[in-house]
Protein backbone atom coordinates (compact mmCIF):
# COMPACT_ATOMS: atom_id res chain seq x y z
CA MET A 1 -22.04 -3.92 53.61
CA LEU A 2 -21.81 -6.69 56.29
CA LYS A 3 -18.31 -7.60 54.96
CA LEU A 4 -17.02 -4.31 56.26
CA PHE A 5 -17.48 -5.57 59.75
CA LEU A 6 -15.61 -8.73 59.05
CA PRO A 7 -11.93 -8.71 60.14
CA ASN A 8 -9.09 -10.02 57.87
CA GLU A 9 -7.81 -12.10 60.84
CA GLN A 10 -8.72 -12.95 64.39
CA VAL A 11 -6.41 -13.65 67.33
CA ARG A 12 -6.79 -14.16 71.02
CA SER A 13 -4.33 -11.51 72.06
CA VAL A 14 -2.28 -8.68 70.55
CA LEU A 15 0.68 -10.59 71.89
CA GLU A 16 0.05 -13.35 69.33
CA ILE A 17 0.90 -10.92 66.61
CA GLN A 18 4.52 -11.30 65.66
CA PRO A 19 6.62 -8.79 63.73
CA GLU A 20 8.09 -11.41 61.41
CA ARG A 21 4.65 -12.37 60.10
CA LEU A 22 3.65 -8.65 59.68
CA LYS A 23 6.80 -7.99 57.68
CA GLN A 24 6.04 -10.94 55.53
CA LYS A 25 2.76 -9.23 54.66
CA GLY A 26 4.59 -5.96 53.90
CA ILE A 27 3.40 -4.20 57.07
CA LYS A 28 5.44 -1.47 58.32
CA ALA A 29 2.99 0.18 60.81
CA ILE A 30 0.34 -0.75 63.37
CA ILE A 31 -2.61 1.49 64.24
CA THR A 32 -3.89 -0.13 67.49
CA ASP A 33 -6.84 0.54 69.78
CA LEU A 34 -5.96 0.87 73.50
CA ASP A 35 -8.82 -0.07 75.83
CA ASN A 36 -9.35 -3.96 75.99
CA THR A 37 -7.00 -4.38 72.99
CA LEU A 38 -3.68 -3.66 74.61
CA VAL A 39 -4.77 -3.47 78.30
CA ALA A 40 -8.00 -3.73 80.29
CA TRP A 41 -10.06 -0.52 79.91
CA ASP A 42 -9.46 0.39 83.49
CA ARG A 43 -5.64 -0.37 83.62
CA PRO A 44 -3.51 2.73 83.43
CA ASP A 45 -0.23 1.26 82.28
CA ALA A 46 1.23 -1.54 80.01
CA THR A 47 1.92 -5.04 81.36
CA PRO A 48 5.44 -6.44 81.26
CA GLU A 49 4.44 -8.79 78.46
CA LEU A 50 3.07 -5.87 76.40
CA LEU A 51 6.26 -3.92 77.03
CA ILE A 52 8.14 -6.87 75.40
CA TRP A 53 5.77 -6.87 72.40
CA PHE A 54 6.31 -3.17 71.85
CA GLN A 55 10.03 -3.69 72.02
CA LYS A 56 9.85 -6.50 69.47
CA MET A 57 7.95 -4.26 67.11
CA ARG A 58 10.46 -1.46 67.53
CA GLU A 59 13.41 -3.79 66.91
CA ALA A 60 11.72 -5.10 63.75
CA GLY A 61 11.19 -1.48 62.55
CA ILE A 62 7.45 -1.69 62.79
CA LYS A 63 5.95 1.67 63.83
CA VAL A 64 3.06 1.67 66.41
CA LEU A 65 0.40 4.34 67.00
CA ILE A 66 -2.54 4.23 69.25
CA VAL A 67 -5.86 5.46 67.97
CA SER A 68 -8.44 5.59 70.80
CA ASN A 69 -11.94 7.05 71.19
CA ASN A 70 -10.98 7.66 74.82
CA ASN A 71 -9.99 11.11 76.28
CA GLN A 72 -6.66 12.80 76.10
CA LYS A 73 -5.78 12.15 79.75
CA ARG A 74 -6.48 8.36 79.54
CA VAL A 75 -4.57 7.87 76.23
CA SER A 76 -1.68 10.17 77.20
CA THR A 77 -1.21 8.54 80.57
CA PHE A 78 -0.81 5.11 78.87
CA SER A 79 1.22 6.26 75.75
CA THR A 80 3.61 9.01 76.86
CA PRO A 81 5.78 6.79 79.18
CA LEU A 82 6.17 4.35 76.25
CA ASP A 83 7.11 7.12 73.88
CA LEU A 84 4.18 6.06 71.53
CA PRO A 85 2.42 8.51 69.40
CA PHE A 86 -1.39 8.74 69.75
CA ILE A 87 -4.62 10.03 68.68
CA PHE A 88 -7.27 10.67 71.29
CA GLU A 89 -11.19 11.14 70.93
CA ALA A 90 -10.73 9.60 67.44
CA ARG A 91 -14.37 9.13 66.79
CA LYS A 92 -13.88 5.69 65.29
CA PRO A 93 -15.20 4.31 62.95
CA MET A 94 -15.03 7.69 61.24
CA GLY A 95 -12.15 7.71 58.70
CA ARG A 96 -10.40 10.96 59.76
CA ALA A 97 -8.34 9.44 62.53
CA PHE A 98 -7.26 6.56 60.39
CA ARG A 99 -6.11 9.01 57.63
CA LYS A 100 -4.36 11.12 60.22
CA ALA A 101 -2.52 8.07 61.60
CA ILE A 102 -1.31 6.96 58.19
CA LYS A 103 0.02 10.50 57.68
CA LEU A 104 1.72 10.51 61.14
CA LEU A 105 3.26 7.11 60.51
CA SER A 106 4.50 8.15 57.00
CA VAL A 107 3.31 4.94 55.45
CA ARG A 108 0.76 3.84 52.91
CA LYS A 109 -2.45 2.13 54.03
CA GLU A 110 -1.35 -1.06 52.23
CA GLU A 111 1.58 -1.03 54.64
CA THR A 112 -0.49 -0.76 57.70
CA VAL A 113 -2.68 -2.93 60.08
CA VAL A 114 -5.45 -1.87 62.31
CA ILE A 115 -5.68 -3.96 65.56
CA GLY A 116 -8.60 -3.74 67.84
CA ASP A 117 -11.33 -5.52 69.98
CA GLN A 118 -14.47 -3.99 68.46
CA LEU A 119 -16.18 -4.76 65.18
CA LEU A 120 -18.11 -1.47 65.18
CA THR A 121 -15.23 0.91 65.70
CA ASP A 122 -11.84 -0.76 64.94
CA VAL A 123 -12.68 -3.39 62.28
CA PHE A 124 -15.34 -1.35 60.52
CA GLY A 125 -13.25 1.91 60.53
CA GLY A 126 -10.18 0.13 59.37
CA ASN A 127 -12.00 -1.83 56.64
CA ARG A 128 -13.83 1.34 55.38
CA SER A 129 -10.30 2.98 55.22
CA GLY A 130 -8.85 0.07 53.13
CA ILE A 131 -6.62 -1.03 55.81
CA TYR A 132 -5.90 -4.75 56.90
CA THR A 133 -7.67 -5.46 60.14
CA ILE A 134 -6.92 -7.89 62.95
CA LEU A 135 -9.64 -8.38 65.69
CA VAL A 136 -8.52 -9.51 69.15
CA ILE A 137 -10.66 -10.87 71.93
CA PRO A 138 -11.28 -8.15 74.52
CA ILE A 139 -9.01 -8.46 77.48
CA ALA A 140 -11.57 -7.67 80.09
CA ALA A 141 -15.14 -9.09 80.48
CA THR A 142 -16.33 -5.59 81.48
CA ASP A 143 -16.62 -2.47 79.36
CA GLY A 144 -17.55 1.21 79.66
CA PHE A 145 -21.16 2.24 79.04
CA TRP A 146 -20.99 2.92 75.38
CA THR A 147 -18.88 -0.09 74.57
CA ARG A 148 -21.41 -2.35 76.37
CA ILE A 149 -24.11 -1.03 73.82
CA ASN A 150 -21.67 -1.89 70.95
CA ARG A 151 -21.09 -5.35 72.36
CA LYS A 152 -24.75 -6.22 72.08
CA ILE A 153 -24.71 -5.29 68.32
CA GLU A 154 -21.41 -7.07 67.89
CA ARG A 155 -22.72 -10.38 69.39
CA ARG A 156 -25.51 -10.40 66.73
CA LEU A 157 -22.99 -9.86 63.88
CA MET A 158 -20.54 -12.48 65.36
CA THR A 159 -23.40 -14.96 65.65
CA PHE A 160 -24.19 -14.29 61.93
CA PHE A 161 -20.58 -14.69 60.81
CA GLN A 162 -20.17 -17.82 62.77
CA ARG A 163 -23.36 -19.51 61.35
CA LYS A 164 -22.00 -18.57 57.82
CA GLY A 165 -18.62 -20.03 58.67
CA MET A 166 -16.98 -16.67 58.10
CA ILE A 167 -15.42 -16.23 61.58
CA GLN A 168 -14.24 -18.31 64.58
CA TRP A 169 -14.79 -16.46 67.82
CA GLU A 170 -14.82 -16.94 71.56
CA GLU A 171 -15.74 -14.76 74.45
CA ARG A 172 -13.12 -13.83 77.10
CA ASN A 173 -13.88 -15.95 80.24
CA GLN A 174 -13.18 -13.80 83.35
């Protein structure tokens, strides 16, 4: 059961994820979280670096779809100017949003990766759905109310995984 909370990979930032490496793994699509994965939870738009990352993925033919537990206004405000499809109020880690994303992307789950900053929503949900998962270090040191509760549980899981040598992790220093 605990292995469902263990990501397949960990990286410092989504910007480290390169399309060439994804394509080598047979990845054709990305399901990504928004808040504290792509941008800080309180930042309304993409950074210039993130815009370049999205462009690289498009040029490589890798589709990107945002799946967020946040509300429609927040997710739409970020996604619409970038012409990115999205699912809001996803209720991650429930599998419904992941299945819907796979269908919208017209790919198989084996051709997809889930990227996110939370073990309890992104990694657990992706793993339960049979999708490859990549955990990123949260961009901001602060979180919304519910995420702060999740982080306390996540720290315990991370400590356990680190002691067992199953994961290398660091906190964002801000």
